[in-house]
N, C-alpha and C. Protein backbone atom coordinates (compact mmCIF):
# COMPACT_ATOMS: atom_id res chain seq x y z
N MET A 1 28.33 72.88 65.32
CA MET A 1 27.38 72.68 64.29
C MET A 1 28.13 71.86 63.15
N ALA A 2 27.38 70.75 62.93
CA ALA A 2 27.94 69.80 61.86
C ALA A 2 27.46 70.27 60.51
N ALA A 3 28.17 70.29 59.49
CA ALA A 3 27.70 70.56 58.24
C ALA A 3 27.09 69.27 57.48
N ARG A 4 26.08 69.62 56.76
CA ARG A 4 25.37 68.54 56.04
C ARG A 4 26.16 68.16 54.79
N ILE A 5 26.19 66.91 54.58
CA ILE A 5 26.96 66.44 53.29
C ILE A 5 26.49 67.07 52.02
N ASP A 6 25.12 67.42 51.84
CA ASP A 6 24.68 68.02 50.58
C ASP A 6 24.93 69.42 50.43
N GLU A 7 25.62 69.96 51.43
CA GLU A 7 26.09 71.38 51.21
C GLU A 7 27.41 71.35 50.40
N PHE A 8 28.07 70.22 50.35
CA PHE A 8 29.37 70.25 49.68
C PHE A 8 29.44 69.65 48.29
N LEU A 9 28.21 69.08 47.97
CA LEU A 9 28.28 68.49 46.59
C LEU A 9 28.10 69.52 45.54
N ILE A 10 28.65 69.24 44.45
CA ILE A 10 28.65 70.16 43.39
C ILE A 10 28.02 69.33 42.09
N GLY A 11 27.86 69.80 40.95
CA GLY A 11 27.26 69.14 39.92
C GLY A 11 28.13 68.11 39.43
N VAL A 12 27.54 67.04 39.04
CA VAL A 12 28.31 65.93 38.49
C VAL A 12 28.32 65.91 37.00
N LYS A 13 29.42 65.85 36.45
CA LYS A 13 29.71 65.88 35.07
C LYS A 13 30.01 64.43 34.55
N PRO A 14 29.08 63.82 33.73
CA PRO A 14 29.37 62.43 33.35
C PRO A 14 30.54 62.34 32.51
N GLN A 15 31.24 61.30 32.65
CA GLN A 15 32.53 61.03 31.89
C GLN A 15 32.39 59.95 30.85
N ARG A 16 33.10 60.02 29.84
CA ARG A 16 32.98 58.96 28.85
C ARG A 16 34.30 58.16 29.00
N GLU A 17 34.07 56.92 29.05
CA GLU A 17 35.25 55.99 29.19
C GLU A 17 35.84 55.72 27.80
N TRP A 18 37.12 55.51 27.79
CA TRP A 18 37.91 55.24 26.71
C TRP A 18 37.87 53.79 26.28
N GLY A 19 37.76 53.53 24.98
CA GLY A 19 37.89 52.07 24.50
C GLY A 19 39.21 51.57 24.33
N TRP A 20 39.24 50.32 23.86
CA TRP A 20 40.59 49.67 23.78
C TRP A 20 41.45 50.38 22.61
N LEU A 21 40.85 51.08 21.65
CA LEU A 21 41.71 51.74 20.72
C LEU A 21 42.53 52.95 21.31
N VAL A 22 41.83 53.65 22.22
CA VAL A 22 42.53 54.89 22.81
C VAL A 22 43.57 54.37 23.81
N ILE A 23 43.19 53.25 24.57
CA ILE A 23 44.04 52.63 25.45
C ILE A 23 45.43 52.16 24.76
N SER A 24 45.00 51.48 23.66
CA SER A 24 46.28 50.90 22.90
C SER A 24 47.09 52.02 22.30
N TYR A 25 46.51 53.16 21.84
CA TYR A 25 47.27 54.35 21.42
C TYR A 25 48.19 54.83 22.48
N LEU A 26 47.48 55.00 23.71
CA LEU A 26 48.32 55.55 24.87
C LEU A 26 49.59 54.63 25.25
N PHE A 27 49.38 53.36 25.06
CA PHE A 27 50.45 52.37 25.47
C PHE A 27 51.54 52.46 24.23
N LEU A 28 50.96 52.44 22.94
CA LEU A 28 51.98 52.29 21.88
C LEU A 28 52.61 53.74 21.61
N GLY A 29 51.92 54.68 22.03
CA GLY A 29 52.64 56.11 21.94
C GLY A 29 53.72 56.14 22.83
N GLY A 30 53.52 55.70 24.09
CA GLY A 30 54.59 55.85 25.17
C GLY A 30 55.75 54.95 24.85
N ALA A 31 55.42 53.68 24.43
CA ALA A 31 56.38 52.65 24.09
C ALA A 31 57.20 53.16 22.95
N GLY A 32 56.58 53.75 21.89
CA GLY A 32 57.28 54.15 20.76
C GLY A 32 58.29 55.41 21.01
N ALA A 33 57.70 56.34 21.80
CA ALA A 33 58.51 57.49 22.10
C ALA A 33 59.57 57.15 23.07
N GLY A 34 59.36 56.17 23.93
CA GLY A 34 60.41 55.57 24.93
C GLY A 34 61.56 54.91 24.17
N LEU A 35 61.19 54.04 23.08
CA LEU A 35 62.17 53.36 22.34
C LEU A 35 62.90 54.28 21.51
N PHE A 36 62.31 55.29 21.03
CA PHE A 36 63.03 56.23 20.21
C PHE A 36 64.05 57.15 21.07
N LEU A 37 63.58 57.49 22.23
CA LEU A 37 64.60 58.17 23.11
C LEU A 37 65.82 57.23 23.59
N ILE A 38 65.37 56.04 23.82
CA ILE A 38 66.47 55.18 24.21
C ILE A 38 67.51 54.91 22.97
N SER A 39 66.85 54.88 21.88
CA SER A 39 67.72 54.69 20.60
C SER A 39 68.65 55.80 20.42
N LEU A 40 68.34 57.04 20.75
CA LEU A 40 69.22 58.21 20.69
C LEU A 40 70.43 58.05 21.74
N TYR A 41 70.06 57.58 22.86
CA TYR A 41 70.91 57.44 23.86
C TYR A 41 72.09 56.36 23.55
N LEU A 42 71.57 55.26 22.96
CA LEU A 42 72.34 54.00 22.54
C LEU A 42 72.92 54.12 21.19
N ASP A 43 72.60 55.13 20.42
CA ASP A 43 72.88 55.35 19.03
C ASP A 43 72.69 54.37 18.09
N HIS A 44 71.41 53.72 18.10
CA HIS A 44 70.89 52.56 17.27
C HIS A 44 69.78 53.24 16.39
N ALA A 45 70.16 53.55 15.14
CA ALA A 45 69.18 54.09 14.32
C ALA A 45 68.03 53.23 13.93
N TRP A 46 68.18 51.83 13.91
CA TRP A 46 67.16 50.89 13.58
C TRP A 46 66.11 50.89 14.71
N ALA A 47 66.58 51.14 15.96
CA ALA A 47 65.69 51.14 17.06
C ALA A 47 64.87 52.47 17.07
N GLY A 48 65.50 53.50 16.64
CA GLY A 48 64.79 54.84 16.41
C GLY A 48 63.74 54.65 15.43
N LEU A 49 63.94 54.07 14.24
CA LEU A 49 62.98 53.82 13.34
C LEU A 49 61.87 52.96 13.79
N LEU A 50 62.16 51.91 14.52
CA LEU A 50 61.21 50.99 15.06
C LEU A 50 60.21 51.78 16.08
N GLY A 51 60.92 52.60 16.86
CA GLY A 51 60.11 53.41 17.69
C GLY A 51 59.02 54.45 17.05
N LEU A 52 59.60 54.95 16.04
CA LEU A 52 58.66 55.83 15.17
C LEU A 52 57.51 55.15 14.60
N LEU A 53 57.78 53.85 14.11
CA LEU A 53 56.78 53.12 13.62
C LEU A 53 55.76 52.62 14.57
N VAL A 54 56.15 52.28 15.78
CA VAL A 54 55.28 51.94 16.80
C VAL A 54 54.47 53.19 17.26
N LEU A 55 54.99 54.29 17.25
CA LEU A 55 54.29 55.46 17.60
C LEU A 55 53.29 55.79 16.51
N MET A 56 53.51 55.80 15.20
CA MET A 56 52.67 55.87 14.09
C MET A 56 51.48 54.84 14.25
N LEU A 57 51.79 53.63 14.60
CA LEU A 57 50.78 52.58 14.69
C LEU A 57 49.68 52.94 15.78
N GLY A 58 50.32 53.49 16.79
CA GLY A 58 49.38 53.96 17.92
C GLY A 58 48.50 55.14 17.45
N THR A 59 49.07 55.99 16.64
CA THR A 59 48.34 57.17 16.20
C THR A 59 47.34 56.59 15.24
N LEU A 60 47.56 55.64 14.35
CA LEU A 60 46.65 55.13 13.46
C LEU A 60 45.34 54.47 14.36
N LEU A 61 45.72 54.04 15.43
CA LEU A 61 44.65 53.39 16.30
C LEU A 61 43.77 54.49 16.90
N LEU A 62 44.45 55.66 17.09
CA LEU A 62 43.65 56.83 17.76
C LEU A 62 42.72 57.28 16.40
N LEU A 63 43.20 57.37 15.18
CA LEU A 63 42.32 57.82 14.17
C LEU A 63 41.25 56.91 13.85
N LEU A 64 41.28 55.65 14.00
CA LEU A 64 40.49 54.69 13.94
C LEU A 64 39.27 54.74 15.02
N ASP A 65 39.66 55.39 16.12
CA ASP A 65 38.75 55.49 17.21
C ASP A 65 37.72 56.74 16.92
N LEU A 66 38.17 57.54 16.22
CA LEU A 66 37.31 58.71 15.87
C LEU A 66 35.91 58.40 15.27
N GLY A 67 34.91 59.05 15.66
CA GLY A 67 33.59 58.96 15.10
C GLY A 67 33.55 59.23 13.64
N ARG A 68 34.30 60.31 13.29
CA ARG A 68 34.38 60.70 11.86
C ARG A 68 35.76 60.83 11.58
N PRO A 69 36.46 59.75 11.10
CA PRO A 69 37.83 59.94 10.79
C PRO A 69 38.31 60.87 9.73
N GLU A 70 37.42 61.16 8.85
CA GLU A 70 37.66 62.20 7.81
C GLU A 70 37.93 63.56 8.33
N ARG A 71 37.50 63.82 9.58
CA ARG A 71 37.69 65.19 10.20
C ARG A 71 38.89 65.16 11.21
N PHE A 72 39.79 64.34 11.01
CA PHE A 72 40.88 64.40 12.09
C PHE A 72 41.74 65.55 11.91
N TRP A 73 41.78 66.30 10.77
CA TRP A 73 42.50 67.48 10.55
C TRP A 73 42.03 68.66 11.48
N ARG A 74 40.80 68.54 11.96
CA ARG A 74 40.25 69.58 12.90
C ARG A 74 41.01 69.62 14.16
N ALA A 75 41.62 68.43 14.62
CA ALA A 75 42.42 68.59 15.76
C ALA A 75 43.48 69.39 15.65
N PHE A 76 44.08 69.62 14.65
CA PHE A 76 45.33 70.47 14.55
C PHE A 76 45.02 71.89 14.64
N PHE A 77 43.89 72.36 14.35
CA PHE A 77 43.47 73.67 14.49
C PHE A 77 43.00 74.22 15.76
N ARG A 78 42.62 73.31 16.66
CA ARG A 78 42.31 73.68 17.97
C ARG A 78 42.98 72.65 19.00
N PRO A 79 44.30 72.78 19.07
CA PRO A 79 45.14 71.72 19.81
C PRO A 79 44.94 71.86 21.34
N TRP A 80 44.38 72.92 21.84
CA TRP A 80 44.29 73.10 23.21
C TRP A 80 42.86 72.80 23.76
N THR A 81 42.03 72.17 23.03
CA THR A 81 40.71 71.88 23.49
C THR A 81 40.56 70.56 24.12
N SER A 82 41.49 69.60 23.90
CA SER A 82 41.33 68.28 24.53
C SER A 82 42.78 67.68 24.57
N TRP A 83 42.93 66.68 25.38
CA TRP A 83 44.26 66.00 25.57
C TRP A 83 44.59 65.24 24.42
N ILE A 84 43.52 64.53 23.77
CA ILE A 84 43.66 63.76 22.60
C ILE A 84 44.32 64.73 21.51
N SER A 85 43.70 65.87 21.38
CA SER A 85 44.07 66.87 20.35
C SER A 85 45.56 67.29 20.54
N ARG A 86 45.88 67.52 21.79
CA ARG A 86 47.24 67.97 22.15
C ARG A 86 48.22 66.73 21.76
N GLY A 87 47.68 65.48 22.05
CA GLY A 87 48.59 64.41 21.69
C GLY A 87 48.75 64.33 20.24
N CYS A 88 47.81 64.51 19.42
CA CYS A 88 48.12 64.47 17.99
C CYS A 88 49.05 65.57 17.43
N PHE A 89 48.99 66.75 18.08
CA PHE A 89 49.80 67.84 17.78
C PHE A 89 51.38 67.36 18.02
N PHE A 90 51.56 66.94 19.24
CA PHE A 90 53.01 66.59 19.75
C PHE A 90 53.43 65.34 19.00
N ILE A 91 52.56 64.45 18.77
CA ILE A 91 53.02 63.24 18.04
C ILE A 91 53.41 63.60 16.54
N THR A 92 52.74 64.46 16.00
CA THR A 92 53.09 64.89 14.68
C THR A 92 54.59 65.58 14.62
N LEU A 93 54.71 66.39 15.72
CA LEU A 93 55.98 66.97 15.76
C LEU A 93 57.19 65.96 16.02
N MET A 94 56.77 64.95 16.96
CA MET A 94 57.73 64.02 17.20
C MET A 94 58.25 63.20 15.90
N VAL A 95 57.08 62.71 15.27
CA VAL A 95 57.44 61.89 14.00
C VAL A 95 58.24 62.78 12.99
N PHE A 96 57.81 63.97 12.93
CA PHE A 96 58.66 64.84 11.93
C PHE A 96 60.05 65.11 12.34
N PHE A 97 60.32 65.53 13.58
CA PHE A 97 61.64 65.69 13.99
C PHE A 97 62.54 64.35 14.20
N GLY A 98 61.77 63.27 14.56
CA GLY A 98 62.39 62.08 14.60
C GLY A 98 62.86 61.45 13.28
N ALA A 99 62.14 61.74 12.22
CA ALA A 99 62.40 61.42 10.85
C ALA A 99 63.66 62.14 10.34
N LEU A 100 63.67 63.41 10.70
CA LEU A 100 64.80 64.24 10.42
C LEU A 100 66.00 63.76 11.16
N GLN A 101 65.95 63.29 12.46
CA GLN A 101 67.13 62.74 13.27
C GLN A 101 67.65 61.56 12.52
N ILE A 102 66.74 60.71 12.06
CA ILE A 102 67.25 59.40 11.58
C ILE A 102 67.81 59.50 10.26
N ALA A 103 67.38 60.46 9.50
CA ALA A 103 67.85 60.72 8.01
C ALA A 103 69.27 61.24 8.05
């Protein structure tokens, strides 16, 4: 007895595509974090500073993507509700501890 295809279907949840600002944030965030970690290995403080600046530029692009940028602080009070919110939380930690490392 063959099963019908409609027996296996579940509700479809529409997804929202990301714009170029979020894509740029993901690229710059990864590039900045990678540059910072490589600078730690090679002991080049200037490259670590450049990595943090690239990371902060990516974060600025993420803030520009928000519909209401003045509400960005809300992401920090519920960091486990979305991946973008988690990213904001961990980027803030990385910039803070990265600045301590460079200083």
